[in-house]
C-alpha atoms as a PDB file:
ATOM      1  CA  UNK A   1       0.000   0.000   0.000  1.00  0.00           C
ATOM      2  CA  UNK A   2       1.067   3.579  -0.547  1.00  0.00           C
ATOM      3  CA  UNK A   3       2.061   5.810   2.346  1.00  0.00           C
ATOM      4  CA  UNK A   4       2.284   9.582   2.658  1.00  0.00           C
ATOM      5  CA  UNK A   5       5.438  11.136   1.178  1.00  0.00           C
ATOM      6  CA  UNK A   6       6.571  12.514   4.541  1.00  0.00           C
ATOM      7  CA  UNK A   7       6.987   9.134   6.276  1.00  0.00           C
ATOM      8  CA  UNK A   8      10.598   8.147   6.901  1.00  0.00           C
ATOM      9  CA  UNK A   9      11.644   5.113   4.814  1.00  0.00           C
ATOM     10  CA  UNK A  10      13.062   3.178   7.763  1.00  0.00           C
ATOM     11  CA  UNK A  11       9.748   3.589   9.627  1.00  0.00           C
ATOM     12  CA  UNK A  12       8.021   1.903   6.685  1.00  0.00           C
ATOM     13  CA  UNK A  13      10.680  -0.818   6.600  1.00  0.00           C
ATOM     14  CA  UNK A  14      10.143  -1.533  10.325  1.00  0.00           C
ATOM     15  CA  UNK A  15       6.504  -2.295   9.585  1.00  0.00           C
ATOM     16  CA  UNK A  16       7.505  -4.816   6.917  1.00  0.00           C
ATOM     17  CA  UNK A  17      10.202  -6.708   8.871  1.00  0.00           C
ATOM     18  CA  UNK A  18       7.807  -9.286  10.278  1.00  0.00           C
ATOM     19  CA  UNK A  19       6.789 -10.187   6.717  1.00  0.00           C
ATOM     20  CA  UNK A  20      10.331 -11.325   5.858  1.00  0.00           C
ATOM     21  CA  UNK A  21      10.975 -15.044   5.660  1.00  0.00           C
ATOM     22  CA  UNK A  22      13.664 -16.671   7.820  1.00  0.00           C
ATOM     23  CA  UNK A  23      16.056 -17.135   4.890  1.00  0.00           C
ATOM     24  CA  UNK A  24      15.486 -13.719   3.236  1.00  0.00           C
ATOM     25  CA  UNK A  25      18.444 -11.369   2.863  1.00  0.00           C
ATOM     26  CA  UNK A  26      17.409  -7.717   2.952  1.00  0.00           C
ATOM     27  CA  UNK A  27      19.629  -5.107   1.335  1.00  0.00           C
ATOM     28  CA  UNK A  28      19.285  -1.515   2.521  1.00  0.00           C
ATOM     29  CA  UNK A  29      20.822   1.711   1.256  1.00  0.00           C
ATOM     30  CA  UNK A  30      22.593   4.401   3.325  1.00  0.00           C
ATOM     31  CA  UNK A  31      19.419   5.929   4.717  1.00  0.00           C
ATOM     32  CA  UNK A  32      18.841   2.825   6.842  1.00  0.00           C
ATOM     33  CA  UNK A  33      22.260   2.714   8.513  1.00  0.00           C
ATOM     34  CA  UNK A  34      21.372   3.332  12.140  1.00  0.00           C
ATOM     35  CA  UNK A  35      22.110   1.423  15.308  1.00  0.00           C
ATOM     36  CA  UNK A  36      18.456   1.221  16.259  1.00  0.00           C
ATOM     37  CA  UNK A  37      17.413  -0.207  12.898  1.00  0.00           C
ATOM     38  CA  UNK A  38      20.214  -2.777  12.950  1.00  0.00           C
ATOM     39  CA  UNK A  39      19.321  -3.803  16.510  1.00  0.00           C
ATOM     40  CA  UNK A  40      15.714  -4.308  15.457  1.00  0.00           C
ATOM     41  CA  UNK A  41      16.780  -6.540  12.561  1.00  0.00           C
ATOM     42  CA  UNK A  42      19.119  -8.529  14.790  1.00  0.00           C
ATOM     43  CA  UNK A  43      16.489  -8.948  17.508  1.00  0.00           C
ATOM     44  CA  UNK A  44      14.078 -10.293  14.923  1.00  0.00           C
ATOM     45  CA  UNK A  45      16.807 -12.611  13.565  1.00  0.00           C
ATOM     46  CA  UNK A  46      16.753 -11.145  10.064  1.00  0.00           C
ATOM     47  CA  UNK A  47      19.676 -11.322   7.644  1.00  0.00           C
ATOM     48  CA  UNK A  48      20.674  -7.971   6.214  1.00  0.00           C
ATOM     49  CA  UNK A  49      23.269  -5.855   4.461  1.00  0.00           C
ATOM     50  CA  UNK A  50      23.248  -2.089   4.922  1.00  0.00           C
ATOM     51  CA  UNK A  51      25.346   0.207   2.786  1.00  0.00           C
ATOM     52  CA  UNK A  52      26.921   3.019   4.790  1.00  0.00           C
ATOM     53  CA  UNK A  53      29.270   5.888   4.202  1.00  0.00           C
ATOM     54  CA  UNK A  54      32.892   5.497   5.295  1.00  0.00           C
ATOM     55  CA  UNK A  55      32.474   8.299   7.791  1.00  0.00           C
ATOM     56  CA  UNK A  56      29.487   6.826   9.637  1.00  0.00           C
ATOM     57  CA  UNK A  57      31.256   4.037  11.523  1.00  0.00           C
ATOM     58  CA  UNK A  58      34.959   3.980  12.385  1.00  0.00           C
ATOM     59  CA  UNK A  59      34.969   0.223  11.767  1.00  0.00           C
ATOM     60  CA  UNK A  60      33.616   0.780   8.251  1.00  0.00           C
ATOM     61  CA  UNK A  61      36.235   3.454   7.591  1.00  0.00           C
ATOM     62  CA  UNK A  62      38.988   1.021   8.625  1.00  0.00           C
ATOM     63  CA  UNK A  63      37.800  -1.453   5.996  1.00  0.00           C
ATOM     64  CA  UNK A  64      38.993   0.970   3.308  1.00  0.00           C
ATOM     65  CA  UNK A  65      42.527   1.340   4.631  1.00  0.00           C
ATOM     66  CA  UNK A  66      45.149   0.309   2.096  1.00  0.00           C
ATOM     67  CA  UNK A  67      46.503  -2.392   4.417  1.00  0.00           C
ATOM     68  CA  UNK A  68      43.069  -3.797   5.388  1.00  0.00           C
ATOM     69  CA  UNK A  69      42.489  -7.458   4.519  1.00  0.00           C
ATOM     70  CA  UNK A  70      40.232  -8.305   1.571  1.00  0.00           C
ATOM     71  CA  UNK A  71      37.740 -10.064   3.847  1.00  0.00           C
ATOM     72  CA  UNK A  72      36.978  -9.078   7.390  1.00  0.00           C
ATOM     73  CA  UNK A  73      34.233  -9.197   9.984  1.00  0.00           C
ATOM     74  CA  UNK A  74      33.559  -5.875  11.633  1.00  0.00           C
ATOM     75  CA  UNK A  75      31.870  -5.451  15.007  1.00  0.00           C
ATOM     76  CA  UNK A  76      30.245  -2.098  15.616  1.00  0.00           C
ATOM     77  CA  UNK A  77      29.884  -0.847  19.186  1.00  0.00           C
ATOM     78  CA  UNK A  78      27.037   1.553  19.764  1.00  0.00           C
ATOM     79  CA  UNK A  79      27.767   4.759  21.650  1.00  0.00           C
ATOM     80  CA  UNK A  80      26.355   4.933  25.201  1.00  0.00           C
ATOM     81  CA  UNK A  81      23.467   7.186  24.151  1.00  0.00           C
ATOM     82  CA  UNK A  82      22.398   4.703  21.464  1.00  0.00           C
ATOM     83  CA  UNK A  83      22.663   1.784  23.902  1.00  0.00           C
ATOM     84  CA  UNK A  84      20.280   3.627  26.246  1.00  0.00           C
ATOM     85  CA  UNK A  85      17.816   4.192  23.404  1.00  0.00           C
ATOM     86  CA  UNK A  86      17.955   0.491  22.486  1.00  0.00           C
ATOM     87  CA  UNK A  87      17.132  -0.484  26.072  1.00  0.00           C
ATOM     88  CA  UNK A  88      14.152   1.898  26.043  1.00  0.00           C
ATOM     89  CA  UNK A  89      12.634   0.251  22.952  1.00  0.00           C
END
């Protein structure tokens, strides 16, 4: 269904998460790269890839260093303020 133009895309995506199948892989663009959205996906055990800018997460920036390995797993720690917001939800 169509939604008003002024609704934030990630708010619409949150409404659709429960409709994803267990083996679905969701791919999101930069506008979805937030700690809260990723926590929601993880809590609901959904597989996802989110594109983000190099400046958003230090860990992502480090992936582009010249001496970084070709393949790596990156863990992102949320800042204290974001951790508090996650606990409130």
